[in-house]
Structure formats: C-alpha cells, structure tokens
C-alpha cells in the first residue's frame, strides 16, 4: 500500500513542490500507468534474482568459449542465452503472477475504465455488494490462469535452456549400469 501511495504522489505530485506543474498527471487512471506500476513492482525481485544467477555463472563459461575460438556473438548466443533463459522465464513468470494478483499497488491508480480482475474481485467481495461467489470465481480464474501461464513458461524455458539435462534424463538406466557414472572401465 505504501508503494501505491508513493506512485500516486509520483503521478499527481507537483514538480517542483508548490509549482502546480504535474507532468505525469495525464497518465493517471490509464492502462500505461498500471503497466508502469507493475513493471516497477517486479523490478526489484527480478534484479536480485538475475544478479544472483550472473554471479553464480561467473566468467568461466565466457573464458572457455573464447579459448575454444568463439567470438563475442557466438559466445553470447551459444553460451549466455541458453544459461540465462530459464532465469528470464522465471522472472517473467514471477512478474506475471505478481501483476495478476496485485491490488494494493494499483488500487490508488486505477479508475473505472482501467479496473483489473483483482480490483473487480475486491469490489465484489465488499460488504456493500455482497457478491462473494462472483469474487471467488474471479479469484479462481486468476489462480488457474496464472498456474497455466506458469506451466507454459516452464515448458518453454526447458526447451530453450541448456539441453544436456534432457539427454541425460532420457537414458538414466544406461548411465547407472556403467561403473563410476559411465567412465571408460575395462569389462570384467
């Protein structure tokens, strides 16, 4: 709620204070303001996740590609993008789930023409309307929709990510049958 109040001041506040000049007031109540709020909300979590993944990958992969003779573009498309694709999918999915269920940040910036499903469910659940069944149906729809999108994103991320895990999981019996995980050993 506090971030929603801060963003409300961003859109309706004076710059500089007391001047009466409101450069972002035309965005108030529009779909663009809601999109900007949702992007700002997911930005901090996404940045921290992405930073942790970049630290874990390190420069070793890039150095190995360079030693093998790959240029910058080939290293980027053959090493970095496959390694980072599952993280991009994760961040996009998390931002989508947060955006679908966000009420506290956008309630102060939405009007009747830009009502989201979460705000509509909140309105239906209010004691004045007493339409709790309709509010629960909207909430169930949001849950099913976000789980479906998350499942599709996971399948898409597994297809575009690093491919060696899929090959290994396809033949676990062959790998397990060989001593020391498939190392070349003489037959006994």
N, C-alpha and C. Protein backbone atom coordinates (compact mmCIF):
# COMPACT_ATOMS: atom_id res chain seq x y z
N UNK A 1 0.83 -1.19 0.00
CA UNK A 1 0.00 0.00 0.00
C UNK A 1 0.88 1.25 0.00
N UNK A 2 2.00 1.14 0.71
CA UNK A 2 2.90 2.28 0.78
C UNK A 2 3.51 2.60 -0.59
N UNK A 3 3.86 1.55 -1.34
CA UNK A 3 4.40 1.79 -2.69
C UNK A 3 3.32 2.39 -3.60
N UNK A 4 2.06 1.96 -3.42
CA UNK A 4 0.97 2.54 -4.20
C UNK A 4 0.80 4.02 -3.90
N UNK A 5 0.94 4.40 -2.63
CA UNK A 5 0.84 5.82 -2.25
C UNK A 5 2.00 6.62 -2.85
N UNK A 6 3.18 6.04 -2.81
CA UNK A 6 4.33 6.72 -3.42
C UNK A 6 4.16 6.91 -4.92
N UNK A 7 3.61 5.90 -5.59
CA UNK A 7 3.38 6.03 -7.03
C UNK A 7 2.24 7.00 -7.32
N UNK A 8 1.26 7.09 -6.44
CA UNK A 8 0.21 8.09 -6.60
C UNK A 8 0.80 9.49 -6.52
N UNK A 9 1.70 9.71 -5.58
CA UNK A 9 2.38 11.00 -5.49
C UNK A 9 3.23 11.26 -6.72
N UNK A 10 3.81 10.22 -7.28
CA UNK A 10 4.60 10.38 -8.50
C UNK A 10 3.74 10.90 -9.64
N UNK A 11 2.53 10.33 -9.78
CA UNK A 11 1.67 10.74 -10.89
C UNK A 11 0.93 12.04 -10.63
N UNK A 12 0.57 12.32 -9.39
CA UNK A 12 -0.24 13.51 -9.12
C UNK A 12 0.49 14.60 -8.35
N UNK A 13 1.75 14.36 -8.03
CA UNK A 13 2.51 15.35 -7.27
C UNK A 13 3.01 16.49 -8.14
N UNK A 14 3.33 17.61 -7.47
CA UNK A 14 3.88 18.79 -8.16
C UNK A 14 5.38 18.64 -8.30
N UNK A 15 5.91 19.03 -9.45
CA UNK A 15 7.35 19.03 -9.68
C UNK A 15 7.76 20.40 -10.17
N UNK A 16 8.47 21.18 -9.45
CA UNK A 16 8.85 21.10 -8.04
C UNK A 16 7.65 21.35 -7.14
N UNK A 17 7.74 20.97 -5.87
CA UNK A 17 6.59 21.11 -4.96
C UNK A 17 6.10 22.55 -4.87
N UNK A 18 4.78 22.69 -4.92
CA UNK A 18 4.15 24.01 -4.84
C UNK A 18 4.03 24.74 -6.16
N UNK A 19 4.55 24.18 -7.24
CA UNK A 19 4.53 24.87 -8.53
C UNK A 19 3.23 24.66 -9.29
N UNK A 20 2.51 23.58 -8.98
CA UNK A 20 1.29 23.27 -9.72
C UNK A 20 1.55 22.55 -11.02
N UNK A 21 2.81 22.30 -11.35
CA UNK A 21 3.18 21.60 -12.58
C UNK A 21 3.18 20.10 -12.31
N UNK A 22 2.30 19.38 -12.98
CA UNK A 22 2.17 17.92 -12.81
C UNK A 22 2.41 17.25 -14.16
N UNK A 23 3.65 16.89 -14.47
CA UNK A 23 3.96 16.34 -15.80
C UNK A 23 3.40 14.94 -16.04
N UNK A 24 3.12 14.18 -15.01
CA UNK A 24 2.64 12.81 -15.20
C UNK A 24 1.14 12.66 -14.90
N UNK A 25 0.45 13.75 -14.69
CA UNK A 25 -0.97 13.68 -14.33
C UNK A 25 -1.82 13.11 -15.47
N UNK A 26 -1.40 13.28 -16.71
CA UNK A 26 -2.18 12.75 -17.84
C UNK A 26 -2.18 11.22 -17.86
N UNK A 27 -1.21 10.58 -17.19
CA UNK A 27 -1.16 9.13 -17.14
C UNK A 27 -2.06 8.53 -16.06
N UNK A 28 -2.51 9.34 -15.12
CA UNK A 28 -3.29 8.82 -14.01
C UNK A 28 -4.59 8.18 -14.52
N UNK A 29 -4.83 6.95 -14.08
CA UNK A 29 -6.04 6.23 -14.45
C UNK A 29 -5.98 5.54 -15.81
N UNK A 30 -4.82 5.57 -16.46
CA UNK A 30 -4.70 4.93 -17.76
C UNK A 30 -4.04 3.55 -17.61
N UNK A 31 -4.14 2.78 -18.65
CA UNK A 31 -3.52 1.46 -18.66
C UNK A 31 -2.00 1.57 -18.61
N UNK A 32 -1.44 2.63 -19.19
CA UNK A 32 0.00 2.82 -19.18
C UNK A 32 0.53 3.02 -17.77
N UNK A 33 -0.21 3.71 -16.93
CA UNK A 33 0.20 3.90 -15.54
C UNK A 33 0.21 2.57 -14.80
N UNK A 34 -0.80 1.74 -15.04
CA UNK A 34 -0.84 0.43 -14.38
C UNK A 34 0.29 -0.47 -14.85
N UNK A 35 0.60 -0.43 -16.13
CA UNK A 35 1.72 -1.23 -16.65
C UNK A 35 3.03 -0.76 -16.03
N UNK A 36 3.21 0.55 -15.92
CA UNK A 36 4.43 1.10 -15.32
C UNK A 36 4.55 0.69 -13.85
N UNK A 37 3.45 0.70 -13.13
CA UNK A 37 3.46 0.29 -11.72
C UNK A 37 3.83 -1.18 -11.58
N UNK A 38 3.26 -2.02 -12.42
CA UNK A 38 3.55 -3.45 -12.35
C UNK A 38 5.01 -3.72 -12.70
N UNK A 39 5.55 -3.02 -13.68
CA UNK A 39 6.96 -3.19 -14.04
C UNK A 39 7.86 -2.73 -12.90
N UNK A 40 7.53 -1.63 -12.28
CA UNK A 40 8.34 -1.13 -11.16
C UNK A 40 8.28 -2.12 -9.99
N UNK A 41 7.12 -2.69 -9.73
CA UNK A 41 6.99 -3.64 -8.61
C UNK A 41 7.81 -4.89 -8.82
N UNK A 42 7.82 -5.43 -10.01
CA UNK A 42 8.56 -6.66 -10.25
C UNK A 42 10.03 -6.45 -10.49
N UNK A 43 10.44 -5.21 -10.63
CA UNK A 43 11.82 -4.90 -10.99
C UNK A 43 12.80 -5.27 -9.88
N UNK A 44 12.47 -5.02 -8.62
CA UNK A 44 13.44 -5.27 -7.55
C UNK A 44 13.70 -6.76 -7.37
N UNK A 45 12.65 -7.56 -7.34
CA UNK A 45 12.82 -9.00 -7.18
C UNK A 45 13.56 -9.59 -8.38
N UNK A 46 13.17 -9.19 -9.58
CA UNK A 46 13.82 -9.69 -10.79
C UNK A 46 15.29 -9.32 -10.85
N UNK A 47 15.63 -8.12 -10.43
CA UNK A 47 17.02 -7.69 -10.44
C UNK A 47 17.86 -8.52 -9.47
N UNK A 48 17.33 -8.78 -8.29
CA UNK A 48 18.09 -9.57 -7.32
C UNK A 48 18.28 -11.01 -7.78
N UNK A 49 17.25 -11.61 -8.37
CA UNK A 49 17.38 -12.98 -8.88
C UNK A 49 18.39 -13.03 -10.01
N UNK A 50 18.29 -12.09 -10.92
CA UNK A 50 19.19 -12.08 -12.08
C UNK A 50 20.63 -11.83 -11.66
N UNK A 51 20.82 -10.95 -10.68
CA UNK A 51 22.17 -10.68 -10.18
C UNK A 51 22.78 -11.93 -9.56
N UNK A 52 21.98 -12.67 -8.79
CA UNK A 52 22.49 -13.90 -8.17
C UNK A 52 22.88 -14.94 -9.23
N UNK A 53 22.10 -15.04 -10.29
CA UNK A 53 22.42 -16.01 -11.35
C UNK A 53 23.69 -15.60 -12.08
N UNK A 54 23.86 -14.33 -12.36
CA UNK A 54 25.07 -13.87 -13.05
C UNK A 54 26.32 -14.10 -12.20
N UNK A 55 26.19 -13.93 -10.88
CA UNK A 55 27.32 -14.17 -10.00
C UNK A 55 27.67 -15.66 -9.98
N UNK A 56 26.64 -16.52 -9.99
CA UNK A 56 26.89 -17.96 -9.97
C UNK A 56 27.54 -18.46 -11.25
N UNK A 57 27.12 -17.91 -12.40
CA UNK A 57 27.68 -18.36 -13.67
C UNK A 57 29.13 -17.91 -13.77
N UNK A 58 29.42 -16.69 -13.42
CA UNK A 58 30.79 -16.19 -13.45
C UNK A 58 31.31 -16.01 -14.86
N UNK A 59 32.60 -15.77 -14.96
CA UNK A 59 33.23 -15.54 -16.26
C UNK A 59 33.85 -16.80 -16.84
N UNK A 60 33.80 -17.90 -16.12
CA UNK A 60 34.45 -19.12 -16.59
C UNK A 60 33.90 -19.60 -17.92
N UNK A 61 32.59 -19.57 -18.06
CA UNK A 61 31.98 -20.04 -19.30
C UNK A 61 32.39 -19.18 -20.48
N UNK A 62 32.41 -17.88 -20.27
CA UNK A 62 32.81 -16.97 -21.34
C UNK A 62 34.28 -17.17 -21.71
N UNK A 63 35.12 -17.34 -20.71
CA UNK A 63 36.54 -17.57 -20.99
C UNK A 63 36.77 -18.88 -21.73
N UNK A 64 36.02 -19.92 -21.36
CA UNK A 64 36.16 -21.20 -22.04
C UNK A 64 35.72 -21.11 -23.49
N UNK A 65 34.66 -20.36 -23.75
CA UNK A 65 34.21 -20.18 -25.13
C UNK A 65 35.25 -19.40 -25.93
N UNK A 66 35.85 -18.39 -25.32
CA UNK A 66 36.86 -17.61 -26.02
C UNK A 66 38.10 -18.46 -26.32
N UNK A 67 38.50 -19.29 -25.37
CA UNK A 67 39.66 -20.16 -25.59
C UNK A 67 39.37 -21.15 -26.70
N UNK A 68 38.13 -21.59 -26.81
CA UNK A 68 37.74 -22.54 -27.86
C UNK A 68 37.61 -21.88 -29.22
N UNK A 69 37.77 -20.57 -29.29
CA UNK A 69 37.76 -19.88 -30.57
C UNK A 69 36.46 -19.19 -30.91
N UNK A 70 35.51 -19.13 -30.00
CA UNK A 70 34.24 -18.47 -30.27
C UNK A 70 34.40 -16.97 -30.09
N UNK A 71 33.78 -16.23 -30.97
CA UNK A 71 33.78 -14.78 -30.85
C UNK A 71 32.72 -14.32 -29.85
N UNK A 72 32.57 -13.00 -29.73
CA UNK A 72 31.64 -12.45 -28.75
C UNK A 72 30.20 -12.84 -29.07
N UNK A 73 29.79 -12.71 -30.34
CA UNK A 73 28.40 -13.04 -30.70
C UNK A 73 28.10 -14.52 -30.51
N UNK A 74 29.01 -15.37 -30.92
CA UNK A 74 28.78 -16.81 -30.75
C UNK A 74 28.74 -17.18 -29.27
N UNK A 75 29.60 -16.57 -28.47
CA UNK A 75 29.58 -16.81 -27.03
C UNK A 75 28.26 -16.36 -26.43
N UNK A 76 27.78 -15.23 -26.87
CA UNK A 76 26.53 -14.70 -26.34
C UNK A 76 25.36 -15.62 -26.70
N UNK A 77 25.25 -16.03 -27.95
CA UNK A 77 24.10 -16.81 -28.38
C UNK A 77 24.20 -18.29 -28.04
N UNK A 78 25.41 -18.84 -27.92
CA UNK A 78 25.55 -20.27 -27.67
C UNK A 78 25.82 -20.61 -26.20
N UNK A 79 26.28 -19.61 -25.42
CA UNK A 79 26.59 -19.88 -24.02
C UNK A 79 25.68 -19.10 -23.08
N UNK A 80 25.69 -17.78 -23.19
CA UNK A 80 24.97 -16.96 -22.22
C UNK A 80 23.45 -17.08 -22.33
N UNK A 81 22.92 -17.00 -23.51
CA UNK A 81 21.46 -17.06 -23.64
C UNK A 81 20.90 -18.40 -23.18
N UNK A 82 21.47 -19.56 -23.57
CA UNK A 82 20.94 -20.81 -23.02
C UNK A 82 21.07 -20.94 -21.50
N UNK A 83 22.13 -20.38 -20.94
CA UNK A 83 22.29 -20.44 -19.49
C UNK A 83 21.32 -19.53 -18.75
N UNK A 84 21.01 -18.39 -19.35
CA UNK A 84 20.17 -17.40 -18.67
C UNK A 84 18.69 -17.51 -19.03
N UNK A 85 18.34 -18.30 -20.04
CA UNK A 85 16.94 -18.39 -20.47
C UNK A 85 16.00 -18.87 -19.36
N UNK A 86 16.33 -19.92 -18.61
CA UNK A 86 15.41 -20.30 -17.53
C UNK A 86 15.20 -19.19 -16.50
N UNK A 87 16.22 -18.40 -16.25
CA UNK A 87 16.07 -17.30 -15.30
C UNK A 87 15.17 -16.22 -15.88
N UNK A 88 15.32 -15.90 -17.15
CA UNK A 88 14.44 -14.91 -17.78
C UNK A 88 12.99 -15.38 -17.74
N UNK A 89 12.78 -16.66 -18.01
CA UNK A 89 11.43 -17.21 -17.95
C UNK A 89 10.89 -17.14 -16.52
N UNK A 90 11.73 -17.46 -15.54
CA UNK A 90 11.32 -17.39 -14.14
C UNK A 90 10.93 -15.97 -13.75
N UNK A 91 11.74 -15.01 -14.11
CA UNK A 91 11.45 -13.62 -13.75
C UNK A 91 10.18 -13.14 -14.44
N UNK A 92 10.02 -13.48 -15.71
CA UNK A 92 8.79 -13.11 -16.41
C UNK A 92 7.56 -13.74 -15.79
N UNK A 93 7.67 -15.01 -15.40
CA UNK A 93 6.54 -15.70 -14.77
C UNK A 93 6.23 -15.10 -13.41
N UNK A 94 7.26 -14.83 -12.62
CA UNK A 94 7.02 -14.21 -11.32
C UNK A 94 6.37 -12.85 -11.46
N UNK A 95 6.85 -12.05 -12.40
CA UNK A 95 6.25 -10.73 -12.62
C UNK A 95 4.81 -10.85 -13.09
N UNK A 96 4.52 -11.85 -13.90
CA UNK A 96 3.15 -12.06 -14.35
C UNK A 96 2.24 -12.45 -13.19
N UNK A 97 2.71 -13.35 -12.34
CA UNK A 97 1.91 -13.79 -11.19
C UNK A 97 1.66 -12.62 -10.24
N UNK A 98 2.69 -11.83 -9.99
CA UNK A 98 2.52 -10.66 -9.12
C UNK A 98 1.57 -9.66 -9.76
N UNK A 99 1.70 -9.44 -11.06
CA UNK A 99 0.84 -8.47 -11.74
C UNK A 99 -0.61 -8.92 -11.76
N UNK A 100 -0.84 -10.22 -11.90
CA UNK A 100 -2.22 -10.71 -11.96
C UNK A 100 -2.92 -10.58 -10.63
N UNK A 101 -2.19 -10.65 -9.55
CA UNK A 101 -2.81 -10.62 -8.23
C UNK A 101 -2.56 -9.33 -7.45
N UNK A 102 -1.96 -8.35 -8.07
CA UNK A 102 -1.66 -7.10 -7.38
C UNK A 102 -2.92 -6.27 -7.21
N UNK A 103 -3.17 -5.89 -5.99
CA UNK A 103 -4.28 -5.00 -5.71
C UNK A 103 -3.80 -3.76 -4.99
N UNK A 104 -2.92 -3.93 -4.01
CA UNK A 104 -2.54 -2.82 -3.15
C UNK A 104 -1.78 -1.72 -3.89
N UNK A 105 -1.01 -2.05 -4.89
CA UNK A 105 -0.21 -1.04 -5.57
C UNK A 105 -1.01 -0.28 -6.62
N UNK A 106 -1.98 -0.95 -7.23
CA UNK A 106 -2.67 -0.30 -8.34
C UNK A 106 -4.05 0.23 -7.98
N UNK A 107 -4.50 -0.04 -6.77
CA UNK A 107 -5.85 0.39 -6.41
C UNK A 107 -5.97 1.91 -6.39
N UNK A 108 -4.90 2.59 -6.04
CA UNK A 108 -4.94 4.05 -5.99
C UNK A 108 -4.77 4.69 -7.37
N UNK A 109 -4.30 3.92 -8.34
CA UNK A 109 -4.03 4.48 -9.66
C UNK A 109 -5.04 4.07 -10.72
N UNK A 110 -5.95 3.16 -10.38
CA UNK A 110 -6.93 2.69 -11.36
C UNK A 110 -8.22 3.50 -11.22
N UNK A 111 -8.93 3.60 -12.32
CA UNK A 111 -10.27 4.19 -12.28
C UNK A 111 -11.25 3.19 -12.89
N UNK A 112 -12.46 3.62 -13.14
CA UNK A 112 -13.49 2.69 -13.64
C UNK A 112 -13.14 2.10 -15.01
N UNK A 113 -12.40 2.81 -15.82
CA UNK A 113 -12.10 2.30 -17.15
C UNK A 113 -10.90 1.35 -17.16
N UNK A 114 -10.09 1.36 -16.11
CA UNK A 114 -8.91 0.50 -16.07
C UNK A 114 -8.96 -0.43 -14.86
N UNK A 115 -10.08 -0.99 -14.60
CA UNK A 115 -10.23 -1.92 -13.48
C UNK A 115 -9.62 -3.26 -13.85
N UNK A 116 -8.77 -3.78 -12.97
CA UNK A 116 -8.18 -5.09 -13.20
C UNK A 116 -9.06 -6.15 -12.54
N UNK A 117 -8.77 -7.42 -12.83
CA UNK A 117 -9.57 -8.50 -12.25
C UNK A 117 -9.43 -8.57 -10.74
N UNK A 118 -8.24 -8.29 -10.22
CA UNK A 118 -8.07 -8.33 -8.76
C UNK A 118 -8.86 -7.22 -8.08
N UNK A 119 -8.94 -6.06 -8.69
CA UNK A 119 -9.75 -4.97 -8.12
C UNK A 119 -11.23 -5.30 -8.26
N UNK A 120 -11.62 -5.91 -9.36
CA UNK A 120 -13.02 -6.31 -9.52
C UNK A 120 -13.41 -7.35 -8.47
N UNK A 121 -12.54 -8.31 -8.18
CA UNK A 121 -12.82 -9.30 -7.14
C UNK A 121 -12.92 -8.62 -5.77
N UNK A 122 -12.09 -7.63 -5.52
CA UNK A 122 -12.15 -6.89 -4.26
C UNK A 122 -13.46 -6.12 -4.14
N UNK A 123 -13.90 -5.52 -5.23
CA UNK A 123 -15.18 -4.80 -5.21
C UNK A 123 -16.35 -5.75 -4.97
N UNK A 124 -16.33 -6.90 -5.63
CA UNK A 124 -17.41 -7.87 -5.45
C UNK A 124 -17.46 -8.41 -4.02
N UNK A 125 -16.29 -8.52 -3.38
CA UNK A 125 -16.23 -9.07 -2.02
C UNK A 125 -16.59 -8.04 -0.95
N UNK A 126 -16.77 -6.79 -1.33
CA UNK A 126 -17.09 -5.76 -0.34
C UNK A 126 -18.47 -6.03 0.27
N UNK A 127 -18.68 -5.61 1.53
CA UNK A 127 -19.98 -5.86 2.18
C UNK A 127 -21.14 -5.14 1.50
N UNK A 128 -20.86 -4.03 0.82
CA UNK A 128 -21.94 -3.30 0.15
C UNK A 128 -22.56 -4.12 -0.97
N UNK A 129 -21.74 -4.76 -1.78
CA UNK A 129 -22.26 -5.55 -2.89
C UNK A 129 -22.62 -6.97 -2.45
N UNK A 130 -21.82 -7.55 -1.58
CA UNK A 130 -22.09 -8.88 -1.08
C UNK A 130 -22.08 -9.97 -2.14
N UNK A 131 -21.27 -9.83 -3.16
CA UNK A 131 -21.20 -10.80 -4.25
C UNK A 131 -19.95 -11.67 -4.07
N UNK A 132 -19.90 -12.37 -2.94
CA UNK A 132 -18.71 -13.16 -2.62
C UNK A 132 -18.50 -14.33 -3.58
N UNK A 133 -19.58 -14.90 -4.07
CA UNK A 133 -19.44 -16.02 -5.01
C UNK A 133 -18.77 -15.56 -6.30
N UNK A 134 -19.18 -14.41 -6.80
CA UNK A 134 -18.58 -13.87 -8.02
C UNK A 134 -17.11 -13.52 -7.78
N UNK A 135 -16.81 -12.98 -6.59
CA UNK A 135 -15.43 -12.64 -6.26
C UNK A 135 -14.57 -13.90 -6.19
N UNK A 136 -15.12 -14.98 -5.64
CA UNK A 136 -14.34 -16.21 -5.57
C UNK A 136 -14.15 -16.83 -6.95
N UNK A 137 -15.13 -16.70 -7.83
CA UNK A 137 -14.98 -17.22 -9.20
C UNK A 137 -13.87 -16.45 -9.93
N UNK A 138 -13.84 -15.14 -9.75
CA UNK A 138 -12.78 -14.33 -10.37
C UNK A 138 -11.43 -14.74 -9.80
N UNK A 139 -11.35 -14.96 -8.49
CA UNK A 139 -10.08 -15.36 -7.87
C UNK A 139 -9.64 -16.72 -8.36
N UNK A 140 -10.57 -17.66 -8.50
CA UNK A 140 -10.22 -18.98 -9.02
C UNK A 140 -9.75 -18.87 -10.47
N UNK A 141 -10.40 -18.04 -11.25
CA UNK A 141 -9.96 -17.81 -12.63
C UNK A 141 -8.55 -17.26 -12.66
N UNK A 142 -8.24 -16.30 -11.78
CA UNK A 142 -6.88 -15.75 -11.72
C UNK A 142 -5.86 -16.81 -11.35
N UNK A 143 -6.21 -17.68 -10.41
CA UNK A 143 -5.28 -18.74 -9.99
C UNK A 143 -5.04 -19.72 -11.13
N UNK A 144 -6.11 -20.17 -11.77
CA UNK A 144 -5.98 -21.13 -12.88
C UNK A 144 -5.20 -20.51 -14.04
N UNK A 145 -5.48 -19.25 -14.33
CA UNK A 145 -4.80 -18.56 -15.42
C UNK A 145 -3.30 -18.42 -15.13
N UNK A 146 -2.94 -18.01 -13.91
CA UNK A 146 -1.53 -17.83 -13.59
C UNK A 146 -0.79 -19.16 -13.51
N UNK A 147 -1.44 -20.22 -13.00
CA UNK A 147 -0.80 -21.53 -12.97
C UNK A 147 -0.61 -22.06 -14.41
N UNK A 148 -1.58 -21.83 -15.27
CA UNK A 148 -1.46 -22.25 -16.67
C UNK A 148 -0.32 -21.52 -17.37
N UNK A 149 -0.24 -20.21 -17.18
CA UNK A 149 0.85 -19.44 -17.78
C UNK A 149 2.20 -19.88 -17.21
N UNK A 150 2.25 -20.16 -15.90
CA UNK A 150 3.50 -20.61 -15.29
C UNK A 150 3.92 -21.97 -15.87
N UNK A 151 2.97 -22.87 -16.08
CA UNK A 151 3.29 -24.17 -16.68
C UNK A 151 3.80 -24.04 -18.10
N UNK A 152 3.16 -23.18 -18.89
CA UNK A 152 3.63 -22.94 -20.26
C UNK A 152 5.02 -22.31 -20.26
N UNK A 153 5.24 -21.37 -19.35
CA UNK A 153 6.56 -20.73 -19.27
C UNK A 153 7.63 -21.73 -18.87
N UNK A 154 7.31 -22.64 -17.97
CA UNK A 154 8.28 -23.66 -17.57
C UNK A 154 8.63 -24.57 -18.74
N UNK A 155 7.62 -25.01 -19.48
CA UNK A 155 7.87 -25.86 -20.64
C UNK A 155 8.70 -25.11 -21.69
N UNK A 156 8.41 -23.84 -21.90
CA UNK A 156 9.15 -23.02 -22.85
C UNK A 156 10.59 -22.83 -22.38
N UNK A 157 10.77 -22.59 -21.08
CA UNK A 157 12.12 -22.41 -20.53
C UNK A 157 12.94 -23.67 -20.61
N UNK A 158 12.32 -24.83 -20.40
CA UNK A 158 13.06 -26.08 -20.51
C UNK A 158 13.49 -26.36 -21.94
N UNK A 159 12.68 -25.93 -22.90
CA UNK A 159 13.04 -26.12 -24.30
C UNK A 159 14.19 -25.22 -24.73
N UNK A 160 14.23 -23.99 -24.21
CA UNK A 160 15.24 -23.04 -24.64
C UNK A 160 16.49 -23.03 -23.78
N UNK A 161 16.45 -23.68 -22.63
CA UNK A 161 17.59 -23.68 -21.73
C UNK A 161 18.68 -24.64 -22.17
N UNK A 162 19.53 -24.95 -21.26
CA UNK A 162 20.64 -25.86 -21.52
C UNK A 162 20.06 -27.25 -21.77
N UNK A 163 20.51 -27.91 -22.83
CA UNK A 163 19.90 -29.15 -23.30
C UNK A 163 20.53 -30.42 -22.74
N UNK A 164 21.64 -30.36 -22.04
CA UNK A 164 22.29 -31.59 -21.61
C UNK A 164 21.49 -32.34 -20.55
N UNK A 165 20.69 -31.66 -19.76
CA UNK A 165 19.90 -32.34 -18.74
C UNK A 165 18.86 -33.26 -19.37
N UNK A 166 18.27 -32.85 -20.45
CA UNK A 166 17.25 -33.65 -21.11
C UNK A 166 17.85 -34.93 -21.68
N UNK A 167 19.04 -34.85 -22.26
CA UNK A 167 19.68 -36.04 -22.81
C UNK A 167 20.08 -37.02 -21.71
N UNK A 168 20.55 -36.50 -20.60
CA UNK A 168 20.93 -37.39 -19.51
C UNK A 168 19.72 -38.04 -18.87
N UNK A 169 18.64 -37.30 -18.74
CA UNK A 169 17.46 -37.88 -18.10
C UNK A 169 16.76 -38.87 -19.02
N UNK A 170 17.04 -38.85 -20.30
CA UNK A 170 16.40 -39.79 -21.22
C UNK A 170 16.99 -41.18 -21.09
N UNK A 171 18.24 -41.30 -20.66
CA UNK A 171 18.88 -42.62 -20.57
C UNK A 171 19.49 -42.84 -19.18
N UNK A 172 18.70 -42.79 -18.12
CA UNK A 172 19.30 -42.98 -16.80
C UNK A 172 19.74 -44.42 -16.55
N UNK A 173 19.09 -45.39 -17.19
CA UNK A 173 19.46 -46.80 -16.96
C UNK A 173 20.84 -47.10 -17.53
N UNK A 174 21.16 -46.55 -18.69
CA UNK A 174 22.47 -46.80 -19.29
C UNK A 174 23.58 -46.19 -18.45
N UNK A 175 23.35 -44.98 -17.94
CA UNK A 175 24.37 -44.32 -17.14
C UNK A 175 24.55 -45.04 -15.81
N UNK A 176 23.44 -45.47 -15.20
CA UNK A 176 23.53 -46.14 -13.90
C UNK A 176 24.16 -47.52 -14.02
N UNK A 177 24.02 -48.18 -15.15
CA UNK A 177 24.56 -49.53 -15.32
C UNK A 177 26.07 -49.53 -15.43
N UNK A 178 26.65 -48.43 -15.87
CA UNK A 178 28.09 -48.36 -16.03
C UNK A 178 28.73 -47.92 -14.71
N UNK A 179 29.86 -48.50 -14.35
CA UNK A 179 30.51 -48.10 -13.09
C UNK A 179 31.05 -46.69 -13.19
N UNK A 180 31.05 -46.00 -12.08
CA UNK A 180 31.56 -44.64 -11.96
C UNK A 180 30.88 -43.68 -12.92
N UNK A 181 29.56 -43.83 -13.10
CA UNK A 181 28.79 -42.88 -13.93
C UNK A 181 29.14 -42.93 -15.39
N UNK A 182 29.58 -44.02 -15.92
CA UNK A 182 29.83 -44.13 -17.35
C UNK A 182 31.26 -43.91 -17.76
N UNK A 183 32.20 -43.89 -16.81
CA UNK A 183 33.59 -43.74 -17.18
C UNK A 183 34.07 -44.99 -17.90
N UNK A 184 35.06 -44.81 -18.74
CA UNK A 184 35.58 -45.95 -19.51
C UNK A 184 36.33 -46.89 -18.57
N UNK A 185 35.74 -48.02 -18.33
CA UNK A 185 36.34 -49.03 -17.48
C UNK A 185 36.44 -50.33 -18.28
N UNK A 186 37.48 -51.11 -18.04
CA UNK A 186 37.57 -52.41 -18.75
C UNK A 186 36.49 -53.35 -18.24
N UNK A 187 36.00 -54.20 -19.14
CA UNK A 187 34.98 -55.18 -18.77
C UNK A 187 35.60 -56.24 -17.89
N UNK A 188 34.82 -56.73 -16.94
CA UNK A 188 35.33 -57.76 -16.03
C UNK A 188 34.68 -59.06 -16.30
